[in-house]
Amino acid sequence: MKELDPFILLAVFQEMLGPLLWILLAIVVLGLVAFVALLVREKGLVSRRLVRSEALGIVGGALALVLMAKVSSSGFTDAAGPADWFLIALVFGAGLVGSTILAYTIAGWWPARRQLTDTANAR
């Protein structure tokens, strides 16, 4: 394999994750759209919410490692070289960033939804 083909990566991930791949991709796309919409609506980041979301991101990174161990045929004790440890760090980082963005987005839209239902119930 001399060049990186995205369709081969898609086939490998489909084989490893099955239908969970499409659920995770849908969560990523919808989460990013909601995150960008929230940033546009609020015209910036809210630091208090970001710090709380980063704390939840650590849990998300750990869960990404658990998912990686479940879908792969090897565990953490099989990691031998620097490339293996780099991949483990990359999976943790992707889980951390993804869950931080998702937690920030959910926390940002949650009060707006509550205010919307309170306004509708008051009428």
Protein backbone atom coordinates (compact mmCIF):
# COMPACT_ATOMS: atom_id res chain seq x y z
CA MET A 1 0.00 0.00 0.00
CA LYS A 2 1.96 2.97 -1.28
CA GLU A 3 -0.70 5.63 -0.86
CA LEU A 4 -3.44 6.31 1.63
CA ASP A 5 -6.88 5.65 0.19
CA PRO A 6 -9.82 6.95 2.27
CA PHE A 7 -12.11 4.22 0.93
CA ILE A 8 -9.78 1.54 2.28
CA LEU A 9 -9.85 3.24 5.68
CA LEU A 10 -13.64 3.39 5.48
CA ALA A 11 -13.79 -0.33 4.68
CA VAL A 12 -11.48 -1.16 7.60
CA PHE A 13 -13.50 0.96 10.05
CA GLN A 14 -16.74 -0.54 8.72
CA GLU A 15 -15.35 -4.03 9.31
CA MET A 16 -14.21 -3.15 12.84
CA LEU A 17 -17.18 -1.10 14.06
CA GLY A 18 -20.07 -2.32 11.91
CA PRO A 19 -23.20 -0.17 12.20
CA LEU A 20 -21.65 1.74 15.12
CA LEU A 21 -19.42 3.51 12.57
CA TRP A 22 -22.38 5.25 10.95
CA ILE A 23 -23.88 6.18 14.32
CA LEU A 24 -20.56 7.70 15.42
CA LEU A 25 -20.17 9.58 12.13
CA ALA A 26 -23.71 10.97 12.44
CA ILE A 27 -22.96 12.13 15.99
CA VAL A 28 -19.75 13.80 14.77
CA VAL A 29 -21.44 15.64 11.90
CA LEU A 30 -24.52 16.72 13.88
CA GLY A 31 -22.36 17.69 16.86
CA LEU A 32 -20.08 19.87 14.74
CA VAL A 33 -23.02 21.59 13.03
CA ALA A 34 -24.65 22.27 16.40
CA PHE A 35 -21.32 23.49 17.82
CA VAL A 36 -20.77 25.95 14.97
CA ALA A 37 -24.37 27.16 15.27
CA LEU A 38 -23.88 27.66 19.01
CA LEU A 39 -20.67 29.64 18.43
CA VAL A 40 -22.45 31.86 15.92
CA ARG A 41 -25.41 32.36 18.26
CA GLU A 42 -23.28 33.20 21.31
CA LYS A 43 -20.53 35.00 19.34
CA GLY A 44 -17.76 33.18 21.20
CA LEU A 45 -16.90 30.61 23.82
CA VAL A 46 -18.17 30.58 27.41
CA SER A 47 -15.13 29.77 29.55
CA ARG A 48 -17.00 28.22 32.49
CA ARG A 49 -18.84 25.82 30.20
CA LEU A 50 -15.62 25.03 28.32
CA VAL A 51 -13.74 24.06 31.50
CA ARG A 52 -16.56 21.73 32.58
CA SER A 53 -16.69 20.23 29.11
CA GLU A 54 -12.93 19.63 29.17
CA ALA A 55 -13.33 17.68 32.41
CA LEU A 56 -15.94 15.50 30.71
CA GLY A 57 -13.60 15.21 27.74
CA ILE A 58 -11.14 13.21 29.83
CA VAL A 59 -13.88 10.64 30.43
CA GLY A 60 -14.63 10.64 26.70
CA GLY A 61 -10.98 9.98 25.91
CA ALA A 62 -10.95 7.02 28.29
CA LEU A 63 -14.15 5.67 26.73
CA ALA A 64 -12.56 5.97 23.29
CA LEU A 65 -9.71 3.79 24.52
CA VAL A 66 -12.18 1.24 25.87
CA LEU A 67 -13.98 1.18 22.51
CA MET A 68 -10.65 0.77 20.71
CA ALA A 69 -9.74 -2.19 22.92
CA LYS A 70 -13.15 -3.81 22.30
CA VAL A 71 -13.12 -3.54 18.49
CA SER A 72 -9.47 -4.44 17.92
CA SER A 73 -7.95 -7.87 18.29
CA SER A 74 -5.17 -6.59 20.53
CA GLY A 75 -5.10 -4.93 23.92
CA PHE A 76 -2.93 -2.33 25.60
CA THR A 77 -0.41 -4.95 26.70
CA ASP A 78 0.30 -5.72 23.03
CA ALA A 79 1.56 -2.19 22.34
CA ALA A 80 5.24 -2.59 21.66
CA GLY A 81 6.66 0.23 19.58
CA PRO A 82 6.31 3.98 19.46
CA ALA A 83 3.78 3.76 16.62
CA ASP A 84 1.43 1.74 18.83
CA TRP A 85 1.69 4.22 21.67
CA PHE A 86 1.25 7.11 19.25
CA LEU A 87 -1.96 5.51 17.96
CA ILE A 88 -3.22 5.00 21.52
CA ALA A 89 -2.50 8.66 22.30
CA LEU A 90 -4.22 9.68 19.05
CA VAL A 91 -7.35 7.69 19.92
CA PHE A 92 -7.42 9.21 23.41
CA GLY A 93 -6.97 12.70 21.96
CA ALA A 94 -9.73 12.21 19.40
CA GLY A 95 -12.08 10.97 22.12
CA LEU A 96 -11.12 13.86 24.38
CA VAL A 97 -11.66 16.54 21.73
CA GLY A 98 -14.83 14.98 20.36
CA SER A 99 -16.50 14.53 23.72
CA THR A 100 -15.42 18.01 24.84
CA ILE A 101 -17.08 19.56 21.79
CA LEU A 102 -20.17 17.40 22.25
CA ALA A 103 -20.47 18.20 25.98
CA TYR A 104 -19.97 21.93 25.32
CA THR A 105 -22.62 21.87 22.61
CA ILE A 106 -25.17 19.98 24.70
CA ALA A 107 -24.55 22.26 27.69
CA GLY A 108 -24.91 25.32 25.46
CA TRP A 109 -28.17 24.32 23.83
CA TRP A 110 -29.74 22.82 26.97
CA PRO A 111 -30.74 26.17 28.61
CA ALA A 112 -32.09 27.46 25.29
CA ARG A 113 -34.33 24.41 24.97
CA ARG A 114 -35.51 24.79 28.56
CA GLN A 115 -36.30 28.49 28.02
CA LEU A 116 -38.16 27.64 24.82
CA THR A 117 -40.40 25.08 26.56
CA ASP A 118 -40.95 27.39 29.55
CA THR A 119 -42.05 30.17 27.19
CA ALA A 120 -44.37 27.81 25.33
CA ASN A 121 -45.89 26.51 28.58
CA ALA A 122 -46.44 30.06 29.90
CA ARG A 123 -48.67 30.92 26.95
